[in-house]
Amino acid sequence: MKILKTILLGCCILLTANSINAQTETQRWDAKLDLDGSELKKEIKILVSDESKEVSVSVKGIISGGTLKVKLYDSKGNSAATLNLNASPGSKAKGSLSETMDAMPGTWLLKVTNDEATGKVNIRVEQN
């Protein structure tokens, strides 16, 4: 009987540890976009789970000549974060945004629009 109690106690501790790890696990998604000056309209869907408590978004961009817009919409369609970069011909612009907000389960939308700009955009989305 004592051996059975020890085995059951060991199983309970193991299950508790797995639950803690599952609750603190961070899901990360990264994207790197190279902008070649052509028009780009890209929509990226991000599924936010019921277990997530926060969503963090980081966007860094550097462009030459043109316009870059990155907008994040939550699962209700509300604008949650925006980055706008404008560079006149022959000049450069760089910028970044970093936002952490309460997670609303459902599908979030990240819209990237490029008009004549060349450069790079790095995007990271994390939920935990």
N, C-alpha and C. Protein backbone atom coordinates (compact mmCIF):
# COMPACT_ATOMS: atom_id res chain seq x y z
N MET A 1 0.82 -1.20 0.00
CA MET A 1 0.00 0.00 0.00
C MET A 1 0.87 1.26 0.00
N LYS A 2 1.97 1.21 0.77
CA LYS A 2 2.86 2.36 0.84
C LYS A 2 3.49 2.64 -0.53
N ILE A 3 3.83 1.59 -1.28
CA ILE A 3 4.41 1.75 -2.61
C ILE A 3 3.40 2.39 -3.55
N LEU A 4 2.13 2.00 -3.46
CA LEU A 4 1.08 2.56 -4.30
C LEU A 4 0.91 4.06 -4.03
N LYS A 5 0.94 4.46 -2.74
CA LYS A 5 0.83 5.88 -2.38
C LYS A 5 2.00 6.67 -2.95
N THR A 6 3.20 6.11 -2.89
CA THR A 6 4.39 6.79 -3.42
C THR A 6 4.27 6.96 -4.94
N ILE A 7 3.80 5.92 -5.62
CA ILE A 7 3.63 6.01 -7.07
C ILE A 7 2.58 7.06 -7.42
N LEU A 8 1.45 7.06 -6.71
CA LEU A 8 0.40 8.06 -6.97
C LEU A 8 0.89 9.47 -6.69
N LEU A 9 1.64 9.65 -5.59
CA LEU A 9 2.18 10.96 -5.27
C LEU A 9 3.13 11.42 -6.37
N GLY A 10 3.98 10.51 -6.86
CA GLY A 10 4.90 10.84 -7.95
C GLY A 10 4.16 11.24 -9.21
N CYS A 11 3.06 10.56 -9.52
CA CYS A 11 2.25 10.91 -10.70
C CYS A 11 1.62 12.29 -10.54
N CYS A 12 1.14 12.59 -9.33
CA CYS A 12 0.53 13.91 -9.09
C CYS A 12 1.55 15.03 -9.26
N ILE A 13 2.76 14.83 -8.76
CA ILE A 13 3.80 15.84 -8.90
C ILE A 13 4.16 16.03 -10.36
N LEU A 14 4.28 14.94 -11.11
CA LEU A 14 4.60 15.01 -12.53
C LEU A 14 3.51 15.75 -13.30
N LEU A 15 2.24 15.44 -13.03
CA LEU A 15 1.13 16.12 -13.70
C LEU A 15 1.11 17.60 -13.36
N THR A 16 1.38 17.96 -12.12
CA THR A 16 1.41 19.36 -11.72
C THR A 16 2.52 20.10 -12.46
N ALA A 17 3.70 19.48 -12.55
CA ALA A 17 4.82 20.12 -13.26
C ALA A 17 4.48 20.33 -14.73
N ASN A 18 3.84 19.35 -15.37
CA ASN A 18 3.45 19.51 -16.77
C ASN A 18 2.43 20.62 -16.94
N SER A 19 1.51 20.76 -16.01
CA SER A 19 0.51 21.83 -16.08
C SER A 19 1.16 23.19 -15.96
N ILE A 20 2.12 23.32 -15.06
CA ILE A 20 2.81 24.60 -14.89
C ILE A 20 3.57 24.96 -16.16
N ASN A 21 4.28 23.99 -16.75
CA ASN A 21 5.01 24.26 -17.98
C ASN A 21 4.07 24.64 -19.11
N ALA A 22 2.92 24.00 -19.20
CA ALA A 22 1.97 24.32 -20.26
C ALA A 22 1.43 25.74 -20.11
N GLN A 23 1.24 26.18 -18.87
CA GLN A 23 0.68 27.52 -18.64
C GLN A 23 1.69 28.62 -18.92
N THR A 24 2.98 28.34 -18.77
CA THR A 24 3.98 29.38 -18.94
C THR A 24 4.68 29.30 -20.30
N GLU A 25 4.27 28.38 -21.15
CA GLU A 25 4.90 28.22 -22.45
C GLU A 25 4.61 29.42 -23.34
N THR A 26 5.63 29.92 -24.01
CA THR A 26 5.49 31.04 -24.92
C THR A 26 5.49 30.52 -26.35
N GLN A 27 4.51 30.95 -27.12
CA GLN A 27 4.47 30.62 -28.53
C GLN A 27 4.99 31.83 -29.30
N ARG A 28 5.94 31.59 -30.20
CA ARG A 28 6.58 32.68 -30.92
C ARG A 28 6.47 32.44 -32.42
N TRP A 29 6.26 33.52 -33.16
CA TRP A 29 6.21 33.48 -34.61
C TRP A 29 7.03 34.65 -35.13
N ASP A 30 7.96 34.37 -36.05
CA ASP A 30 8.83 35.39 -36.63
C ASP A 30 8.65 35.42 -38.14
N ALA A 31 8.74 36.62 -38.71
CA ALA A 31 8.71 36.77 -40.17
C ALA A 31 9.69 37.86 -40.57
N LYS A 32 10.36 37.64 -41.68
CA LYS A 32 11.26 38.64 -42.27
C LYS A 32 10.80 38.86 -43.69
N LEU A 33 10.50 40.11 -44.01
CA LEU A 33 10.04 40.45 -45.36
C LEU A 33 11.07 41.35 -46.02
N ASP A 34 11.45 41.00 -47.24
CA ASP A 34 12.32 41.84 -48.06
C ASP A 34 11.42 42.62 -49.01
N LEU A 35 11.55 43.93 -48.99
CA LEU A 35 10.73 44.80 -49.85
C LEU A 35 11.55 45.19 -51.07
N ASP A 36 10.99 44.95 -52.26
CA ASP A 36 11.73 45.20 -53.50
C ASP A 36 11.21 46.40 -54.30
N GLY A 37 10.35 47.21 -53.69
CA GLY A 37 9.83 48.38 -54.37
C GLY A 37 8.50 48.15 -55.04
N SER A 38 8.09 46.90 -55.15
CA SER A 38 6.78 46.63 -55.75
C SER A 38 5.68 46.73 -54.70
N GLU A 39 4.47 46.88 -55.19
CA GLU A 39 3.32 46.98 -54.29
C GLU A 39 3.11 45.65 -53.58
N LEU A 40 2.86 45.71 -52.29
CA LEU A 40 2.64 44.51 -51.49
C LEU A 40 1.47 44.76 -50.55
N LYS A 41 0.53 43.84 -50.55
CA LYS A 41 -0.56 43.84 -49.58
C LYS A 41 -0.65 42.43 -49.04
N LYS A 42 -0.24 42.26 -47.79
CA LYS A 42 -0.18 40.93 -47.19
C LYS A 42 -0.99 40.92 -45.90
N GLU A 43 -1.80 39.89 -45.74
CA GLU A 43 -2.56 39.70 -44.50
C GLU A 43 -2.12 38.40 -43.86
N ILE A 44 -1.72 38.48 -42.61
CA ILE A 44 -1.24 37.32 -41.87
C ILE A 44 -2.20 37.08 -40.71
N LYS A 45 -2.75 35.88 -40.65
CA LYS A 45 -3.67 35.52 -39.57
C LYS A 45 -2.89 34.90 -38.43
N ILE A 46 -3.22 35.33 -37.21
CA ILE A 46 -2.57 34.83 -36.01
C ILE A 46 -3.64 34.28 -35.09
N LEU A 47 -3.57 32.99 -34.79
CA LEU A 47 -4.54 32.36 -33.91
C LEU A 47 -4.09 32.50 -32.47
N VAL A 48 -4.87 33.21 -31.66
CA VAL A 48 -4.57 33.40 -30.24
C VAL A 48 -5.44 32.40 -29.46
N SER A 49 -4.79 31.56 -28.69
CA SER A 49 -5.48 30.49 -27.98
C SER A 49 -6.20 30.99 -26.73
N ASP A 50 -7.11 30.17 -26.25
CA ASP A 50 -7.86 30.50 -25.02
C ASP A 50 -6.93 30.58 -23.81
N GLU A 51 -5.82 29.84 -23.84
CA GLU A 51 -4.90 29.79 -22.70
C GLU A 51 -3.99 31.01 -22.62
N SER A 52 -3.87 31.75 -23.70
CA SER A 52 -2.96 32.91 -23.73
C SER A 52 -3.48 34.04 -22.86
N LYS A 53 -2.54 34.67 -22.16
CA LYS A 53 -2.89 35.81 -21.31
C LYS A 53 -2.45 37.13 -21.93
N GLU A 54 -1.34 37.09 -22.67
CA GLU A 54 -0.81 38.30 -23.31
C GLU A 54 -0.37 38.01 -24.73
N VAL A 55 -0.44 39.05 -25.55
CA VAL A 55 0.10 39.01 -26.90
C VAL A 55 1.11 40.15 -27.00
N SER A 56 2.31 39.84 -27.47
CA SER A 56 3.34 40.84 -27.67
C SER A 56 3.69 40.90 -29.15
N VAL A 57 3.78 42.11 -29.67
CA VAL A 57 4.11 42.31 -31.08
C VAL A 57 5.29 43.26 -31.16
N SER A 58 6.28 42.88 -31.97
CA SER A 58 7.44 43.72 -32.22
C SER A 58 7.65 43.80 -33.73
N VAL A 59 7.74 45.01 -34.24
CA VAL A 59 7.97 45.22 -35.67
C VAL A 59 9.11 46.22 -35.81
N LYS A 60 10.09 45.87 -36.65
CA LYS A 60 11.21 46.77 -36.96
C LYS A 60 11.31 46.86 -38.47
N GLY A 61 11.41 48.08 -38.97
CA GLY A 61 11.50 48.27 -40.40
C GLY A 61 12.50 49.34 -40.78
N ILE A 62 13.09 49.16 -41.94
CA ILE A 62 13.94 50.19 -42.54
C ILE A 62 13.65 50.18 -44.03
N ILE A 63 13.33 51.36 -44.56
CA ILE A 63 12.95 51.45 -45.97
C ILE A 63 13.68 52.61 -46.65
N SER A 64 13.73 52.53 -47.96
CA SER A 64 14.21 53.63 -48.81
C SER A 64 13.09 53.96 -49.77
N GLY A 65 12.78 55.24 -49.88
CA GLY A 65 11.78 55.72 -50.83
C GLY A 65 10.49 54.93 -50.86
N GLY A 66 9.42 55.46 -50.39
CA GLY A 66 8.12 54.79 -50.42
C GLY A 66 7.44 54.81 -49.07
N THR A 67 6.42 53.97 -48.96
CA THR A 67 5.60 53.93 -47.74
C THR A 67 5.40 52.49 -47.30
N LEU A 68 5.55 52.27 -46.00
CA LEU A 68 5.30 50.97 -45.40
C LEU A 68 4.33 51.15 -44.25
N LYS A 69 3.29 50.32 -44.21
CA LYS A 69 2.32 50.34 -43.12
C LYS A 69 2.15 48.92 -42.58
N VAL A 70 2.22 48.80 -41.26
CA VAL A 70 1.97 47.52 -40.60
C VAL A 70 0.92 47.79 -39.53
N LYS A 71 -0.21 47.05 -39.61
CA LYS A 71 -1.29 47.24 -38.65
C LYS A 71 -1.70 45.89 -38.07
N LEU A 72 -1.89 45.87 -36.76
CA LEU A 72 -2.36 44.68 -36.06
C LEU A 72 -3.79 44.92 -35.59
N TYR A 73 -4.66 43.94 -35.87
CA TYR A 73 -6.05 44.00 -35.43
C TYR A 73 -6.32 42.83 -34.50
N ASP A 74 -7.01 43.11 -33.38
CA ASP A 74 -7.34 42.03 -32.46
C ASP A 74 -8.49 41.18 -33.01
N SER A 75 -8.91 40.19 -32.24
CA SER A 75 -9.93 39.25 -32.72
C SER A 75 -11.30 39.88 -32.91
N LYS A 76 -11.49 41.09 -32.38
CA LYS A 76 -12.77 41.80 -32.58
C LYS A 76 -12.70 42.80 -33.73
N GLY A 77 -11.53 42.87 -34.38
CA GLY A 77 -11.36 43.78 -35.52
C GLY A 77 -10.90 45.18 -35.13
N ASN A 78 -10.57 45.39 -33.85
CA ASN A 78 -10.09 46.69 -33.39
C ASN A 78 -8.60 46.83 -33.66
N SER A 79 -8.17 48.01 -34.08
CA SER A 79 -6.75 48.27 -34.31
C SER A 79 -6.02 48.21 -32.97
N ALA A 80 -4.97 47.37 -32.90
CA ALA A 80 -4.25 47.18 -31.65
C ALA A 80 -2.85 47.82 -31.68
N ALA A 81 -2.25 47.92 -32.86
CA ALA A 81 -0.92 48.52 -32.99
C ALA A 81 -0.68 48.90 -34.45
N THR A 82 0.09 49.98 -34.67
CA THR A 82 0.34 50.47 -36.02
C THR A 82 1.77 51.00 -36.14
N LEU A 83 2.40 50.71 -37.28
CA LEU A 83 3.68 51.31 -37.63
C LEU A 83 3.55 51.86 -39.04
N ASN A 84 3.83 53.16 -39.21
CA ASN A 84 3.83 53.81 -40.52
C ASN A 84 5.21 54.39 -40.78
N LEU A 85 5.80 54.04 -41.91
CA LEU A 85 7.07 54.61 -42.32
C LEU A 85 6.92 55.25 -43.69
N ASN A 86 7.44 56.46 -43.84
CA ASN A 86 7.41 57.18 -45.12
C ASN A 86 8.81 57.68 -45.42
N ALA A 87 9.27 57.43 -46.64
CA ALA A 87 10.59 57.92 -47.06
C ALA A 87 10.45 58.52 -48.45
N SER A 88 10.88 59.76 -48.62
CA SER A 88 10.85 60.37 -49.94
C SER A 88 11.93 59.74 -50.82
N PRO A 89 11.82 59.87 -52.14
CA PRO A 89 12.81 59.26 -53.03
C PRO A 89 14.23 59.68 -52.65
N GLY A 90 15.13 58.70 -52.56
CA GLY A 90 16.52 58.99 -52.22
C GLY A 90 16.80 59.07 -50.73
N SER A 91 15.77 58.95 -49.90
CA SER A 91 15.99 59.01 -48.45
C SER A 91 15.57 57.70 -47.79
N LYS A 92 15.94 57.57 -46.52
CA LYS A 92 15.62 56.36 -45.76
C LYS A 92 14.77 56.73 -44.55
N ALA A 93 14.01 55.74 -44.09
CA ALA A 93 13.25 55.88 -42.85
C ALA A 93 13.32 54.56 -42.10
N LYS A 94 13.42 54.64 -40.79
CA LYS A 94 13.38 53.43 -39.99
C LYS A 94 12.53 53.69 -38.76
N GLY A 95 11.97 52.60 -38.25
CA GLY A 95 11.13 52.74 -37.07
C GLY A 95 10.78 51.37 -36.51
N SER A 96 10.19 51.40 -35.35
CA SER A 96 9.80 50.15 -34.71
C SER A 96 8.60 50.39 -33.81
N LEU A 97 7.94 49.30 -33.49
CA LEU A 97 6.88 49.35 -32.50
C LEU A 97 7.00 48.11 -31.65
N SER A 98 6.63 48.24 -30.41
CA SER A 98 6.63 47.12 -29.49
C SER A 98 5.43 47.29 -28.57
N GLU A 99 4.51 46.36 -28.63
CA GLU A 99 3.28 46.43 -27.84
C GLU A 99 3.03 45.10 -27.15
N THR A 100 2.60 45.15 -25.90
CA THR A 100 2.13 43.97 -25.18
C THR A 100 0.73 44.30 -24.69
N MET A 101 -0.22 43.40 -25.00
CA MET A 101 -1.61 43.66 -24.63
C MET A 101 -2.27 42.38 -24.14
N ASP A 102 -3.41 42.55 -23.48
CA ASP A 102 -4.18 41.39 -23.03
C ASP A 102 -4.63 40.59 -24.24
N ALA A 103 -4.54 39.28 -24.11
CA ALA A 103 -4.92 38.40 -25.22
C ALA A 103 -6.43 38.23 -25.25
N MET A 104 -6.99 38.38 -26.43
CA MET A 104 -8.39 38.04 -26.68
C MET A 104 -8.36 36.83 -27.61
N PRO A 105 -8.87 35.70 -27.16
CA PRO A 105 -8.82 34.50 -28.00
C PRO A 105 -9.52 34.73 -29.34
N GLY A 106 -9.00 34.07 -30.35
CA GLY A 106 -9.57 34.18 -31.69
C GLY A 106 -8.50 34.48 -32.71
N THR A 107 -8.91 34.88 -33.89
CA THR A 107 -7.99 35.16 -34.98
C THR A 107 -7.68 36.65 -35.04
N TRP A 108 -6.41 36.99 -34.87
CA TRP A 108 -5.92 38.35 -35.01
C TRP A 108 -5.41 38.49 -36.43
N LEU A 109 -5.31 39.72 -36.90
CA LEU A 109 -4.89 39.96 -38.27
C LEU A 109 -3.76 40.99 -38.30
N LEU A 110 -2.70 40.66 -39.02
CA LEU A 110 -1.58 41.57 -39.22
C LEU A 110 -1.56 41.93 -40.69
N LYS A 111 -1.73 43.22 -41.00
CA LYS A 111 -1.75 43.69 -42.39
C LYS A 111 -0.47 44.47 -42.68
N VAL A 112 0.22 44.06 -43.75
CA VAL A 112 1.44 44.74 -44.18
C VAL A 112 1.18 45.28 -45.57
N THR A 113 1.39 46.60 -45.73
CA THR A 113 1.18 47.25 -47.02
C THR A 113 2.44 48.02 -47.39
N ASN A 114 2.96 47.74 -48.58
CA ASN A 114 4.15 48.43 -49.07
C ASN A 114 3.81 49.13 -50.38
N ASP A 115 4.23 50.37 -50.50
CA ASP A 115 4.02 51.13 -51.73
C ASP A 115 5.36 51.74 -52.16
N GLU A 116 6.04 51.09 -53.11
CA GLU A 116 7.27 51.56 -53.74
C GLU A 116 8.51 51.57 -52.85
N ALA A 117 8.43 51.10 -51.63
CA ALA A 117 9.59 51.11 -50.74
C ALA A 117 10.46 49.87 -50.95
N THR A 118 11.76 50.06 -50.77
CA THR A 118 12.68 48.93 -50.70
C THR A 118 13.21 48.88 -49.28
N GLY A 119 13.55 47.69 -48.82
CA GLY A 119 14.07 47.57 -47.46
C GLY A 119 13.69 46.25 -46.83
N LYS A 120 13.62 46.25 -45.50
CA LYS A 120 13.35 45.04 -44.74
C LYS A 120 12.38 45.33 -43.60
N VAL A 121 11.61 44.29 -43.26
CA VAL A 121 10.70 44.35 -42.11
C VAL A 121 10.86 43.06 -41.33
N ASN A 122 11.08 43.17 -40.03
CA ASN A 122 11.14 42.02 -39.14
C ASN A 122 9.95 42.09 -38.20
N ILE A 123 9.23 40.99 -38.09
CA ILE A 123 8.02 40.93 -37.26
C ILE A 123 8.14 39.76 -36.30
N ARG A 124 7.81 39.99 -35.04
CA ARG A 124 7.77 38.92 -34.03
C ARG A 124 6.46 39.05 -33.26
N VAL A 125 5.76 37.94 -33.15
CA VAL A 125 4.53 37.87 -32.35
C VAL A 125 4.72 36.76 -31.33
N GLU A 126 4.46 37.08 -30.06
CA GLU A 126 4.54 36.08 -28.99
C GLU A 126 3.24 36.09 -28.20
N GLN A 127 2.85 34.91 -27.76
CA GLN A 127 1.71 34.82 -26.85
C GLN A 127 2.07 33.88 -25.72
N ASN A 128 1.66 34.25 -24.53
CA ASN A 128 1.91 33.38 -23.37
C ASN A 128 0.80 33.55 -22.36
